[in-house]
Amino acid sequence: MQNKYGQALGLWELNIGRDESQGPLVLRPKKGDNFRLGKILTNERNRTDKSLMLEQIGSFIVELIAREEKPNNDQEREDLEFYVESNITNLMSELLVAFRWTTKEKLEEQEKQLSKNLNPQLS
């Protein structure tokens, strides 16, 4: 049985790229994961080079997934890396909510605002 702190941390269920028969992949954050994510998000160099930030977040997500479902060979590892790269925006959103850097509601509001800014005629 977990103590109250372990219960508060919770689990992150990753659903992207999985069908219903597989169920969600349950990722368990470990000590230091949130600090590592914080370093990636607040790194000054990443603020000016968004592609570098996405690459680092992608590597972080690959490690989280590989911890729970280890690739059996180089091809599986390459497929996992390609999967993360192809779904980086959705995975990053899930990651930020899971690690409590934001909420789903705030992300949805930002998406609406971005959509309005990109398509003013639809507003």
PDB file of N, CA and C in Angstrom:
ATOM      1  N   MET A   1       0.841  -1.177   0.000  1.00  0.00           N
ATOM      2  CA  MET A   1       0.000   0.000   0.000  1.00  0.00           C
ATOM      3  C   MET A   1       0.887   1.241   0.000  1.00  0.00           C
ATOM      4  N   GLN A   2       0.514   2.220  -0.797  1.00  0.00           N
ATOM      5  CA  GLN A   2       1.303   3.447  -0.869  1.00  0.00           C
ATOM      6  C   GLN A   2       0.942   4.379   0.283  1.00  0.00           C
ATOM      7  N   ASN A   3       1.896   5.217   0.664  1.00  0.00           N
ATOM      8  CA  ASN A   3       1.584   6.234   1.654  1.00  0.00           C
ATOM      9  C   ASN A   3       0.868   7.395   0.977  1.00  0.00           C
ATOM     10  N   LYS A   4       0.485   8.402   1.748  1.00  0.00           N
ATOM     11  CA  LYS A   4      -0.308   9.512   1.188  1.00  0.00           C
ATOM     12  C   LYS A   4       0.464  10.282   0.123  1.00  0.00           C
ATOM     13  N   TYR A   5       1.765  10.322   0.196  1.00  0.00           N
ATOM     14  CA  TYR A   5       2.545  11.051  -0.807  1.00  0.00           C
ATOM     15  C   TYR A   5       2.592  10.282  -2.122  1.00  0.00           C
ATOM     16  N   GLY A   6       2.754   8.979  -2.035  1.00  0.00           N
ATOM     17  CA  GLY A   6       2.738   8.150  -3.236  1.00  0.00           C
ATOM     18  C   GLY A   6       1.391   8.188  -3.930  1.00  0.00           C
ATOM     19  N   GLN A   7       0.317   8.215  -3.155  1.00  0.00           N
ATOM     20  CA  GLN A   7      -1.023   8.296  -3.733  1.00  0.00           C
ATOM     21  C   GLN A   7      -1.232   9.631  -4.426  1.00  0.00           C
ATOM     22  N   ALA A   8      -0.703  10.697  -3.873  1.00  0.00           N
ATOM     23  CA  ALA A   8      -0.865  12.034  -4.455  1.00  0.00           C
ATOM     24  C   ALA A   8      -0.134  12.145  -5.791  1.00  0.00           C
ATOM     25  N   LEU A   9       0.981  11.436  -5.928  1.00  0.00           N
ATOM     26  CA  LEU A   9       1.747  11.487  -7.165  1.00  0.00           C
ATOM     27  C   LEU A   9       0.976  10.878  -8.312  1.00  0.00           C
ATOM     28  N   GLY A  10       0.330   9.766  -8.078  1.00  0.00           N
ATOM     29  CA  GLY A  10      -0.500   9.142  -9.099  1.00  0.00           C
ATOM     30  C   GLY A  10       0.292   8.495 -10.215  1.00  0.00           C
ATOM     31  N   LEU A  11      -0.444   8.059 -11.221  1.00  0.00           N
ATOM     32  CA  LEU A  11       0.140   7.409 -12.377  1.00  0.00           C
ATOM     33  C   LEU A  11      -0.286   8.173 -13.612  1.00  0.00           C
ATOM     34  N   TRP A  12       0.477   8.057 -14.646  1.00  0.00           N
ATOM     35  CA  TRP A  12       0.169   8.707 -15.905  1.00  0.00           C
ATOM     36  C   TRP A  12      -0.214   7.631 -16.893  1.00  0.00           C
ATOM     37  N   GLU A  13      -1.463   7.659 -17.348  1.00  0.00           N
ATOM     38  CA  GLU A  13      -1.916   6.692 -18.339  1.00  0.00           C
ATOM     39  C   GLU A  13      -1.757   7.295 -19.726  1.00  0.00           C
ATOM     40  N   LEU A  14      -0.922   6.686 -20.525  1.00  0.00           N
ATOM     41  CA  LEU A  14      -0.642   7.167 -21.869  1.00  0.00           C
ATOM     42  C   LEU A  14      -1.512   6.403 -22.860  1.00  0.00           C
ATOM     43  N   ASN A  15      -2.384   7.103 -23.566  1.00  0.00           N
ATOM     44  CA  ASN A  15      -3.325   6.453 -24.470  1.00  0.00           C
ATOM     45  C   ASN A  15      -2.981   6.634 -25.937  1.00  0.00           C
ATOM     46  N   ILE A  16      -2.189   7.606 -26.276  1.00  0.00           N
ATOM     47  CA  ILE A  16      -1.903   7.912 -27.673  1.00  0.00           C
ATOM     48  C   ILE A  16      -1.208   6.728 -28.334  1.00  0.00           C
ATOM     49  N   GLY A  17      -1.706   6.349 -29.507  1.00  0.00           N
ATOM     50  CA  GLY A  17      -1.066   5.289 -30.270  1.00  0.00           C
ATOM     51  C   GLY A  17      -1.390   3.890 -29.796  1.00  0.00           C
ATOM     52  N   ARG A  18      -2.357   3.743 -28.895  1.00  0.00           N
ATOM     53  CA  ARG A  18      -2.725   2.422 -28.394  1.00  0.00           C
ATOM     54  C   ARG A  18      -4.208   2.207 -28.667  1.00  0.00           C
ATOM     55  N   ASP A  19      -4.546   0.990 -29.058  1.00  0.00           N
ATOM     56  CA  ASP A  19      -5.966   0.714 -29.275  1.00  0.00           C
ATOM     57  C   ASP A  19      -6.593   0.193 -27.984  1.00  0.00           C
ATOM     58  N   GLU A  20      -7.920   0.073 -27.984  1.00  0.00           N
ATOM     59  CA  GLU A  20      -8.637  -0.312 -26.773  1.00  0.00           C
ATOM     60  C   GLU A  20      -8.229  -1.686 -26.260  1.00  0.00           C
ATOM     61  N   SER A  21      -7.891  -2.607 -27.157  1.00  0.00           N
ATOM     62  CA  SER A  21      -7.521  -3.948 -26.706  1.00  0.00           C
ATOM     63  C   SER A  21      -6.224  -3.937 -25.892  1.00  0.00           C
ATOM     64  N   GLN A  22      -5.343  -2.979 -26.175  1.00  0.00           N
ATOM     65  CA  GLN A  22      -4.084  -2.878 -25.432  1.00  0.00           C
ATOM     66  C   GLN A  22      -4.272  -2.161 -24.100  1.00  0.00           C
ATOM     67  N   GLY A  23      -5.257  -1.291 -24.031  1.00  0.00           N
ATOM     68  CA  GLY A  23      -5.435  -0.477 -22.838  1.00  0.00           C
ATOM     69  C   GLY A  23      -4.331   0.559 -22.749  1.00  0.00           C
ATOM     70  N   PRO A  24      -4.450   1.482 -21.813  1.00  0.00           N
ATOM     71  CA  PRO A  24      -3.431   2.521 -21.701  1.00  0.00           C
ATOM     72  C   PRO A  24      -2.120   1.967 -21.140  1.00  0.00           C
ATOM     73  N   LEU A  25      -1.035   2.589 -21.530  1.00  0.00           N
ATOM     74  CA  LEU A  25       0.274   2.272 -20.959  1.00  0.00           C
ATOM     75  C   LEU A  25       0.408   3.106 -19.691  1.00  0.00           C
ATOM     76  N   VAL A  26       0.621   2.460 -18.582  1.00  0.00           N
ATOM     77  CA  VAL A  26       0.724   3.169 -17.311  1.00  0.00           C
ATOM     78  C   VAL A  26       2.184   3.514 -17.058  1.00  0.00           C
ATOM     79  N   LEU A  27       2.458   4.808 -16.971  1.00  0.00           N
ATOM     80  CA  LEU A  27       3.814   5.280 -16.699  1.00  0.00           C
ATOM     81  C   LEU A  27       3.886   5.733 -15.247  1.00  0.00           C
ATOM     82  N   ARG A  28       4.938   5.345 -14.588  1.00  0.00           N
ATOM     83  CA  ARG A  28       5.116   5.689 -13.183  1.00  0.00           C
ATOM     84  C   ARG A  28       6.280   6.660 -13.045  1.00  0.00           C
ATOM     85  N   PRO A  29       5.981   7.906 -12.689  1.00  0.00           N
ATOM     86  CA  PRO A  29       7.084   8.848 -12.483  1.00  0.00           C
ATOM     87  C   PRO A  29       7.972   8.391 -11.325  1.00  0.00           C
ATOM     88  N   LYS A  30       9.239   8.705 -11.439  1.00  0.00           N
ATOM     89  CA  LYS A  30      10.189   8.371 -10.378  1.00  0.00           C
ATOM     90  C   LYS A  30      10.810   9.651  -9.838  1.00  0.00           C
ATOM     91  N   LYS A  31      11.439   9.519  -8.710  1.00  0.00           N
ATOM     92  CA  LYS A  31      12.100  10.652  -8.091  1.00  0.00           C
ATOM     93  C   LYS A  31      13.065  11.285  -9.091  1.00  0.00           C
ATOM     94  N   GLY A  32      12.973  12.583  -9.230  1.00  0.00           N
ATOM     95  CA  GLY A  32      13.852  13.321 -10.118  1.00  0.00           C
ATOM     96  C   GLY A  32      13.255  13.614 -11.485  1.00  0.00           C
ATOM     97  N   ASP A  33      12.196  12.885 -11.885  1.00  0.00           N
ATOM     98  CA  ASP A  33      11.594  13.104 -13.200  1.00  0.00           C
ATOM     99  C   ASP A  33      11.038  14.517 -13.351  1.00  0.00           C
ATOM    100  N   ASN A  34      10.324  14.991 -12.344  1.00  0.00           N
ATOM    101  CA  ASN A  34       9.710  16.320 -12.448  1.00  0.00           C
ATOM    102  C   ASN A  34      10.782  17.421 -12.472  1.00  0.00           C
ATOM    103  N   PHE A  35      11.837  17.246 -11.689  1.00  0.00           N
ATOM    104  CA  PHE A  35      12.930  18.222 -11.720  1.00  0.00           C
ATOM    105  C   PHE A  35      13.617  18.219 -13.086  1.00  0.00           C
ATOM    106  N   ARG A  36      13.796  17.038 -13.647  1.00  0.00           N
ATOM    107  CA  ARG A  36      14.421  16.947 -14.979  1.00  0.00           C
ATOM    108  C   ARG A  36      13.565  17.647 -16.021  1.00  0.00           C
ATOM    109  N   LEU A  37      12.244  17.415 -15.965  1.00  0.00           N
ATOM    110  CA  LEU A  37      11.345  18.102 -16.889  1.00  0.00           C
ATOM    111  C   LEU A  37      11.423  19.613 -16.673  1.00  0.00           C
ATOM    112  N   GLY A  38      11.470  20.032 -15.422  1.00  0.00           N
ATOM    113  CA  GLY A  38      11.587  21.458 -15.119  1.00  0.00           C
ATOM    114  C   GLY A  38      12.845  22.076 -15.704  1.00  0.00           C
ATOM    115  N   LYS A  39      13.948  21.353 -15.644  1.00  0.00           N
ATOM    116  CA  LYS A  39      15.195  21.852 -16.228  1.00  0.00           C
ATOM    117  C   LYS A  39      15.071  22.018 -17.740  1.00  0.00           C
ATOM    118  N   ILE A  40      14.397  21.071 -18.384  1.00  0.00           N
ATOM    119  CA  ILE A  40      14.193  21.167 -19.834  1.00  0.00           C
ATOM    120  C   ILE A  40      13.335  22.380 -20.166  1.00  0.00           C
ATOM    121  N   LEU A  41      12.241  22.566 -19.423  1.00  0.00           N
ATOM    122  CA  LEU A  41      11.294  23.645 -19.718  1.00  0.00           C
ATOM    123  C   LEU A  41      11.844  25.032 -19.409  1.00  0.00           C
ATOM    124  N   THR A  42      12.702  25.134 -18.405  1.00  0.00           N
ATOM    125  CA  THR A  42      13.177  26.456 -17.985  1.00  0.00           C
ATOM    126  C   THR A  42      14.574  26.800 -18.490  1.00  0.00           C
ATOM    127  N   ASN A  43      15.215  25.890 -19.185  1.00  0.00           N
ATOM    128  CA  ASN A  43      16.550  26.127 -19.720  1.00  0.00           C
ATOM    129  C   ASN A  43      16.521  27.329 -20.673  1.00  0.00           C
ATOM    130  N   GLU A  44      17.362  28.295 -20.443  1.00  0.00           N
ATOM    131  CA  GLU A  44      17.387  29.524 -21.246  1.00  0.00           C
ATOM    132  C   GLU A  44      17.634  29.240 -22.726  1.00  0.00           C
ATOM    133  N   ARG A  45      18.504  28.308 -23.007  1.00  0.00           N
ATOM    134  CA  ARG A  45      18.800  27.973 -24.408  1.00  0.00           C
ATOM    135  C   ARG A  45      17.564  27.398 -25.107  1.00  0.00           C
ATOM    136  N   ASN A  46      16.773  26.616 -24.365  1.00  0.00           N
ATOM    137  CA  ASN A  46      15.562  26.032 -24.934  1.00  0.00           C
ATOM    138  C   ASN A  46      14.502  27.094 -25.221  1.00  0.00           C
ATOM    139  N   ARG A  47      14.534  28.180 -24.481  1.00  0.00           N
ATOM    140  CA  ARG A  47      13.551  29.255 -24.710  1.00  0.00           C
ATOM    141  C   ARG A  47      13.766  29.925 -26.061  1.00  0.00           C
ATOM    142  N   THR A  48      14.993  29.923 -26.517  1.00  0.00           N
ATOM    143  CA  THR A  48      15.280  30.551 -27.809  1.00  0.00           C
ATOM    144  C   THR A  48      15.316  29.540 -28.957  1.00  0.00           C
ATOM    145  N   ASP A  49      15.505  28.274 -28.626  1.00  0.00           N
ATOM    146  CA  ASP A  49      15.567  27.217 -29.647  1.00  0.00           C
ATOM    147  C   ASP A  49      14.516  26.157 -29.314  1.00  0.00           C
ATOM    148  N   LYS A  50      13.288  26.396 -29.793  1.00  0.00           N
ATOM    149  CA  LYS A  50      12.162  25.506 -29.474  1.00  0.00           C
ATOM    150  C   LYS A  50      12.372  24.094 -30.017  1.00  0.00           C
ATOM    151  N   SER A  51      13.085  23.957 -31.127  1.00  0.00           N
ATOM    152  CA  SER A  51      13.322  22.613 -31.676  1.00  0.00           C
ATOM    153  C   SER A  51      14.202  21.803 -30.722  1.00  0.00           C
ATOM    154  N   LEU A  52      15.154  22.457 -30.073  1.00  0.00           N
ATOM    155  CA  LEU A  52      15.998  21.785 -29.087  1.00  0.00           C
ATOM    156  C   LEU A  52      15.146  21.332 -27.902  1.00  0.00           C
ATOM    157  N   MET A  53      14.215  22.196 -27.465  1.00  0.00           N
ATOM    158  CA  MET A  53      13.337  21.835 -26.355  1.00  0.00           C
ATOM    159  C   MET A  53      12.480  20.619 -26.721  1.00  0.00           C
ATOM    160  N   LEU A  54      11.908  20.622 -27.922  1.00  0.00           N
ATOM    161  CA  LEU A  54      11.083  19.493 -28.344  1.00  0.00           C
ATOM    162  C   LEU A  54      11.902  18.210 -28.399  1.00  0.00           C
ATOM    163  N   GLU A  55      13.129  18.314 -28.873  1.00  0.00           N
ATOM    164  CA  GLU A  55      14.007  17.146 -28.951  1.00  0.00           C
ATOM    165  C   GLU A  55      14.301  16.597 -27.558  1.00  0.00           C
ATOM    166  N   GLN A  56      14.572  17.474 -26.596  1.00  0.00           N
ATOM    167  CA  GLN A  56      14.866  17.036 -25.238  1.00  0.00           C
ATOM    168  C   GLN A  56      13.631  16.448 -24.560  1.00  0.00           C
ATOM    169  N   ILE A  57      12.472  17.061 -24.775  1.00  0.00           N
ATOM    170  CA  ILE A  57      11.236  16.515 -24.216  1.00  0.00           C
ATOM    171  C   ILE A  57      10.948  15.166 -24.852  1.00  0.00           C
ATOM    172  N   GLY A  58      11.169  15.044 -26.151  1.00  0.00           N
ATOM    173  CA  GLY A  58      10.974  13.764 -26.831  1.00  0.00           C
ATOM    174  C   GLY A  58      11.854  12.676 -26.246  1.00  0.00           C
ATOM    175  N   SER A  59      13.110  12.991 -26.003  1.00  0.00           N
ATOM    176  CA  SER A  59      14.030  12.006 -25.399  1.00  0.00           C
ATOM    177  C   SER A  59      13.566  11.613 -24.000  1.00  0.00           C
ATOM    178  N   PHE A  60      13.073  12.590 -23.252  1.00  0.00           N
ATOM    179  CA  PHE A  60      12.565  12.343 -21.908  1.00  0.00           C
ATOM    180  C   PHE A  60      11.366  11.388 -21.961  1.00  0.00           C
ATOM    181  N   ILE A  61      10.450  11.629 -22.904  1.00  0.00           N
ATOM    182  CA  ILE A  61       9.264  10.778 -23.047  1.00  0.00           C
ATOM    183  C   ILE A  61       9.665   9.369 -23.485  1.00  0.00           C
ATOM    184  N   VAL A  62      10.619   9.265 -24.398  1.00  0.00           N
ATOM    185  CA  VAL A  62      11.103   7.942 -24.822  1.00  0.00           C
ATOM    186  C   VAL A  62      11.617   7.170 -23.612  1.00  0.00           C
ATOM    187  N   GLU A  63      12.375   7.827 -22.753  1.00  0.00           N
ATOM    188  CA  GLU A  63      12.903   7.156 -21.558  1.00  0.00           C
ATOM    189  C   GLU A  63      11.783   6.712 -20.628  1.00  0.00           C
ATOM    190  N   LEU A  64      10.761   7.570 -20.451  1.00  0.00           N
ATOM    191  CA  LEU A  64       9.641   7.197 -19.586  1.00  0.00           C
ATOM    192  C   LEU A  64       8.921   5.962 -20.115  1.00  0.00           C
ATOM    193  N   ILE A  65       8.673   5.938 -21.418  1.00  0.00           N
ATOM    194  CA  ILE A  65       7.971   4.810 -22.022  1.00  0.00           C
ATOM    195  C   ILE A  65       8.853   3.553 -21.971  1.00  0.00           C
ATOM    196  N   ALA A  66      10.120   3.697 -22.298  1.00  0.00           N
ATOM    197  CA  ALA A  66      11.031   2.542 -22.323  1.00  0.00           C
ATOM    198  C   ALA A  66      11.213   1.935 -20.935  1.00  0.00           C
ATOM    199  N   ARG A  67      11.043   2.723 -19.908  1.00  0.00           N
ATOM    200  CA  ARG A  67      11.125   2.210 -18.540  1.00  0.00           C
ATOM    201  C   ARG A  67      10.027   1.173 -18.269  1.00  0.00           C
ATOM    202  N   GLU A  68       8.841   1.436 -18.814  1.00  0.00           N
ATOM    203  CA  GLU A  68       7.698   0.551 -18.570  1.00  0.00           C
ATOM    204  C   GLU A  68       7.575  -0.553 -19.616  1.00  0.00           C
ATOM    205  N   GLU A  69       7.933  -0.246 -20.839  1.00  0.00           N
ATOM    206  CA  GLU A  69       7.809  -1.201 -21.939  1.00  0.00           C
ATOM    207  C   GLU A  69       9.108  -1.162 -22.732  1.00  0.00           C
ATOM    208  N   LYS A  70      10.078  -1.908 -22.264  1.00  0.00           N
ATOM    209  CA  LYS A  70      11.415  -1.863 -22.863  1.00  0.00           C
ATOM    210  C   LYS A  70      11.404  -2.375 -24.303  1.00  0.00           C
ATOM    211  N   PRO A  71      12.023  -1.611 -25.212  1.00  0.00           N
ATOM    212  CA  PRO A  71      12.173  -2.117 -26.584  1.00  0.00           C
ATOM    213  C   PRO A  71      13.061  -3.363 -26.565  1.00  0.00           C
ATOM    214  N   ASN A  72      12.689  -4.358 -27.347  1.00  0.00           N
ATOM    215  CA  ASN A  72      13.427  -5.632 -27.368  1.00  0.00           C
ATOM    216  C   ASN A  72      14.657  -5.609 -28.256  1.00  0.00           C
ATOM    217  N   ASN A  73      14.694  -4.636 -29.184  1.00  0.00           N
ATOM    218  CA  ASN A  73      15.824  -4.575 -30.107  1.00  0.00           C
ATOM    219  C   ASN A  73      15.944  -3.154 -30.658  1.00  0.00           C
ATOM    220  N   ASP A  74      16.955  -2.943 -31.495  1.00  0.00           N
ATOM    221  CA  ASP A  74      17.199  -1.603 -32.045  1.00  0.00           C
ATOM    222  C   ASP A  74      16.039  -1.108 -32.898  1.00  0.00           C
ATOM    223  N   GLN A  75      15.399  -2.015 -33.634  1.00  0.00           N
ATOM    224  CA  GLN A  75      14.284  -1.610 -34.487  1.00  0.00           C
ATOM    225  C   GLN A  75      13.109  -1.116 -33.642  1.00  0.00           C
ATOM    226  N   GLU A  76      12.807  -1.801 -32.547  1.00  0.00           N
ATOM    227  CA  GLU A  76      11.727  -1.362 -31.666  1.00  0.00           C
ATOM    228  C   GLU A  76      12.063  -0.010 -31.040  1.00  0.00           C
ATOM    229  N   ARG A  77      13.319   0.185 -30.677  1.00  0.00           N
ATOM    230  CA  ARG A  77      13.748   1.467 -30.104  1.00  0.00           C
ATOM    231  C   ARG A  77      13.572   2.579 -31.137  1.00  0.00           C
ATOM    232  N   GLU A  78      13.976   2.310 -32.369  1.00  0.00           N
ATOM    233  CA  GLU A  78      13.829   3.291 -33.444  1.00  0.00           C
ATOM    234  C   GLU A  78      12.351   3.595 -33.703  1.00  0.00           C
ATOM    235  N   ASP A  79      11.508   2.557 -33.676  1.00  0.00           N
ATOM    236  CA  ASP A  79      10.065   2.756 -33.864  1.00  0.00           C
ATOM    237  C   ASP A  79       9.485   3.607 -32.736  1.00  0.00           C
ATOM    238  N   LEU A  80       9.917   3.359 -31.504  1.00  0.00           N
ATOM    239  CA  LEU A  80       9.455   4.149 -30.361  1.00  0.00           C
ATOM    240  C   LEU A  80       9.864   5.611 -30.524  1.00  0.00           C
ATOM    241  N   GLU A  81      11.104   5.842 -30.897  1.00  0.00           N
ATOM    242  CA  GLU A  81      11.580   7.210 -31.094  1.00  0.00           C
ATOM    243  C   GLU A  81      10.799   7.914 -32.198  1.00  0.00           C
ATOM    244  N   PHE A  82      10.496   7.202 -33.282  1.00  0.00           N
ATOM    245  CA  PHE A  82       9.724   7.781 -34.379  1.00  0.00           C
ATOM    246  C   PHE A  82       8.293   8.060 -33.932  1.00  0.00           C
ATOM    247  N   TYR A  83       7.716   7.145 -33.155  1.00  0.00           N
ATOM    248  CA  TYR A  83       6.371   7.334 -32.606  1.00  0.00           C
ATOM    249  C   TYR A  83       6.307   8.612 -31.769  1.00  0.00           C
ATOM    250  N   VAL A  84       7.269   8.791 -30.884  1.00  0.00           N
ATOM    251  CA  VAL A  84       7.292   9.979 -30.029  1.00  0.00           C
ATOM    252  C   VAL A  84       7.474  11.226 -30.875  1.00  0.00           C
ATOM    253  N   GLU A  85       8.381  11.194 -31.826  1.00  0.00           N
ATOM    254  CA  GLU A  85       8.610  12.346 -32.691  1.00  0.00           C
ATOM    255  C   GLU A  85       7.345  12.704 -33.471  1.00  0.00           C
ATOM    256  N   SER A  86       6.624  11.703 -33.951  1.00  0.00           N
ATOM    257  CA  SER A  86       5.426  11.937 -34.753  1.00  0.00           C
ATOM    258  C   SER A  86       4.249  12.444 -33.934  1.00  0.00           C
ATOM    259  N   ASN A  87       4.263  12.192 -32.632  1.00  0.00           N
ATOM    260  CA  ASN A  87       3.151  12.573 -31.753  1.00  0.00           C
ATOM    261  C   ASN A  87       3.582  13.551 -30.665  1.00  0.00           C
ATOM    262  N   ILE A  88       4.660  14.276 -30.905  1.00  0.00           N
ATOM    263  CA  ILE A  88       5.275  15.075 -29.846  1.00  0.00           C
ATOM    264  C   ILE A  88       4.329  16.103 -29.225  1.00  0.00           C
ATOM    265  N   THR A  89       3.499  16.762 -30.012  1.00  0.00           N
ATOM    266  CA  THR A  89       2.644  17.800 -29.418  1.00  0.00           C
ATOM    267  C   THR A  89       1.605  17.195 -28.479  1.00  0.00           C
ATOM    268  N   ASN A  90       0.978  16.087 -28.876  1.00  0.00           N
ATOM    269  CA  ASN A  90      -0.001  15.440 -27.994  1.00  0.00           C
ATOM    270  C   ASN A  90       0.663  14.847 -26.758  1.00  0.00           C
ATOM    271  N   LEU A  91       1.813  14.215 -26.955  1.00  0.00           N
ATOM    272  CA  LEU A  91       2.531  13.632 -25.825  1.00  0.00           C
ATOM    273  C   LEU A  91       2.996  14.710 -24.851  1.00  0.00           C
ATOM    274  N   MET A  92       3.471  15.830 -25.395  1.00  0.00           N
ATOM    275  CA  MET A  92       3.932  16.913 -24.545  1.00  0.00           C
ATOM    276  C   MET A  92       2.773  17.475 -23.724  1.00  0.00           C
ATOM    277  N   SER A  93       1.609  17.619 -24.328  1.00  0.00           N
ATOM    278  CA  SER A  93       0.434  18.096 -23.593  1.00  0.00           C
ATOM    279  C   SER A  93       0.096  17.147 -22.453  1.00  0.00           C
ATOM    280  N   GLU A  94       0.071  15.842 -22.743  1.00  0.00           N
ATOM    281  CA  GLU A  94      -0.211  14.859 -21.698  1.00  0.00           C
ATOM    282  C   GLU A  94       0.836  14.907 -20.594  1.00  0.00           C
ATOM    283  N   LEU A  95       2.089  15.055 -20.989  1.00  0.00           N
ATOM    284  CA  LEU A  95       3.187  15.109 -20.029  1.00  0.00           C
ATOM    285  C   LEU A  95       3.043  16.306 -19.092  1.00  0.00           C
ATOM    286  N   LEU A  96       2.754  17.479 -19.653  1.00  0.00           N
ATOM    287  CA  LEU A  96       2.627  18.690 -18.839  1.00  0.00           C
ATOM    288  C   LEU A  96       1.475  18.595 -17.845  1.00  0.00           C
ATOM    289  N   VAL A  97       0.385  17.959 -18.248  1.00  0.00           N
ATOM    290  CA  VAL A  97      -0.748  17.766 -17.340  1.00  0.00           C
ATOM    291  C   VAL A  97      -0.390  16.717 -16.285  1.00  0.00           C
ATOM    292  N   ALA A  98       0.206  15.621 -16.709  1.00  0.00           N
ATOM    293  CA  ALA A  98       0.548  14.539 -15.786  1.00  0.00           C
ATOM    294  C   ALA A  98       1.508  15.002 -14.696  1.00  0.00           C
ATOM    295  N   PHE A  99       2.451  15.856 -15.055  1.00  0.00           N
ATOM    296  CA  PHE A  99       3.435  16.343 -14.082  1.00  0.00           C
ATOM    297  C   PHE A  99       2.992  17.642 -13.413  1.00  0.00           C
ATOM    298  N   ARG A 100       1.736  18.004 -13.651  1.00  0.00           N
ATOM    299  CA  ARG A 100       1.081  19.145 -13.006  1.00  0.00           C
ATOM    300  C   ARG A 100       1.739  20.494 -13.304  1.00  0.00           C
ATOM    301  N   TRP A 101       2.245  20.637 -14.536  1.00  0.00           N
ATOM    302  CA  TRP A 101       2.772  21.929 -14.966  1.00  0.00           C
ATOM    303  C   TRP A 101       1.649  22.798 -15.506  1.00  0.00           C
ATOM    304  N   THR A 102       0.530  22.164 -15.857  1.00  0.00           N
ATOM    305  CA  THR A 102      -0.650  22.881 -16.327  1.00  0.00           C
ATOM    306  C   THR A 102      -1.857  21.963 -16.139  1.00  0.00           C
ATOM    307  N   THR A 103      -3.022  22.449 -16.566  1.00  0.00           N
ATOM    308  CA  THR A 103      -4.237  21.638 -16.503  1.00  0.00           C
ATOM    309  C   THR A 103      -4.782  21.446 -17.912  1.00  0.00           C
ATOM    310  N   LYS A 104      -5.636  20.446 -18.073  1.00  0.00           N
ATOM    311  CA  LYS A 104      -6.256  20.222 -19.382  1.00  0.00           C
ATOM    312  C   LYS A 104      -7.072  21.444 -19.790  1.00  0.00           C
ATOM    313  N   GLU A 105      -7.742  22.061 -18.839  1.00  0.00           N
ATOM    314  CA  GLU A 105      -8.570  23.226 -19.127  1.00  0.00           C
ATOM    315  C   GLU A 105      -7.726  24.384 -19.666  1.00  0.00           C
ATOM    316  N   LYS A 106      -6.584  24.623 -19.062  1.00  0.00           N
ATOM    317  CA  LYS A 106      -5.707  25.695 -19.544  1.00  0.00           C
ATOM    318  C   LYS A 106      -5.185  25.396 -20.945  1.00  0.00           C
ATOM    319  N   LEU A 107      -4.842  24.138 -21.184  1.00  0.00           N
ATOM    320  CA  LEU A 107      -4.368  23.756 -22.520  1.00  0.00           C
ATOM    321  C   LEU A 107      -5.476  23.924 -23.556  1.00  0.00           C
ATOM    322  N   GLU A 108      -6.694  23.529 -23.212  1.00  0.00           N
ATOM    323  CA  GLU A 108      -7.811  23.677 -24.145  1.00  0.00           C
ATOM    324  C   GLU A 108      -8.064  25.144 -24.458  1.00  0.00           C
ATOM    325  N   GLU A 109      -7.970  25.994 -23.441  1.00  0.00           N
ATOM    326  CA  GLU A 109      -8.158  27.437 -23.653  1.00  0.00           C
ATOM    327  C   GLU A 109      -7.066  27.995 -24.563  1.00  0.00           C
ATOM    328  N   GLN A 110      -5.836  27.572 -24.360  1.00  0.00           N
ATOM    329  CA  GLN A 110      -4.740  28.017 -25.227  1.00  0.00           C
ATOM    330  C   GLN A 110      -4.947  27.553 -26.659  1.00  0.00           C
ATOM    331  N   GLU A 111      -5.438  26.334 -26.841  1.00  0.00           N
ATOM    332  CA  GLU A 111      -5.704  25.819 -28.187  1.00  0.00           C
ATOM    333  C   GLU A 111      -6.792  26.640 -28.874  1.00  0.00           C
ATOM    334  N   LYS A 112      -7.839  26.987 -28.115  1.00  0.00           N
ATOM    335  CA  LYS A 112      -8.913  27.819 -28.684  1.00  0.00           C
ATOM    336  C   LYS A 112      -8.371  29.177 -29.103  1.00  0.00           C
ATOM    337  N   GLN A 113      -7.568  29.785 -28.250  1.00  0.00           N
ATOM    338  CA  GLN A 113      -7.000  31.093 -28.549  1.00  0.00           C
ATOM    339  C   GLN A 113      -6.083  31.020 -29.764  1.00  0.00           C
ATOM    340  N   LEU A 114      -5.268  29.991 -29.835  1.00  0.00           N
ATOM    341  CA  LEU A 114      -4.379  29.807 -30.979  1.00  0.00           C
ATOM    342  C   LEU A 114      -5.181  29.628 -32.255  1.00  0.00           C
ATOM    343  N   SER A 115      -6.241  28.844 -32.170  1.00  0.00           N
ATOM    344  CA  SER A 115      -7.096  28.626 -33.331  1.00  0.00           C
ATOM    345  C   SER A 115      -7.729  29.939 -33.794  1.00  0.00           C
ATOM    346  N   LYS A 116      -8.174  30.765 -32.855  1.00  0.00           N
ATOM    347  CA  LYS A 116      -8.747  32.076 -33.205  1.00  0.00           C
ATOM    348  C   LYS A 116      -7.703  32.960 -33.869  1.00  0.00           C
ATOM    349  N   ASN A 117      -6.495  32.941 -33.356  1.00  0.00           N
ATOM    350  CA  ASN A 117      -5.429  33.773 -33.914  1.00  0.00           C
ATOM    351  C   ASN A 117      -5.034  33.315 -35.315  1.00  0.00           C
ATOM    352  N   LEU A 118      -5.073  32.007 -35.553  1.00  0.00           N
ATOM    353  CA  LEU A 118      -4.693  31.472 -36.849  1.00  0.00           C
ATOM    354  C   LEU A 118      -5.818  31.587 -37.878  1.00  0.00           C
ATOM    355  N   ASN A 119      -7.057  31.569 -37.414  1.00  0.00           N
ATOM    356  CA  ASN A 119      -8.222  31.619 -38.299  1.00  0.00           C
ATOM    357  C   ASN A 119      -9.204  32.692 -37.823  1.00  0.00           C
ATOM    358  N   PRO A 120      -8.850  33.977 -37.938  1.00  0.00           N
ATOM    359  CA  PRO A 120      -9.730  35.026 -37.408  1.00  0.00           C
ATOM    360  C   PRO A 120     -11.094  35.052 -38.067  1.00  0.00           C
ATOM    361  N   GLN A 121     -11.220  34.603 -39.299  1.00  0.00           N
ATOM    362  CA  GLN A 121     -12.503  34.615 -39.982  1.00  0.00           C
ATOM    363  C   GLN A 121     -13.480  33.587 -39.398  1.00  0.00           C
ATOM    364  N   LEU A 122     -12.984  32.580 -38.657  1.00  0.00           N
ATOM    365  CA  LEU A 122     -13.837  31.578 -38.064  1.00  0.00           C
ATOM    366  C   LEU A 122     -14.377  32.007 -36.704  1.00  0.00           C
ATOM    367  N   SER A 123     -13.860  33.071 -36.136  1.00  0.00           N
ATOM    368  CA  SER A 123     -14.285  33.515 -34.818  1.00  0.00           C
ATOM    369  C   SER A 123     -15.615  34.213 -34.861  1.00  0.00           C
TER     370      SER A 123
END
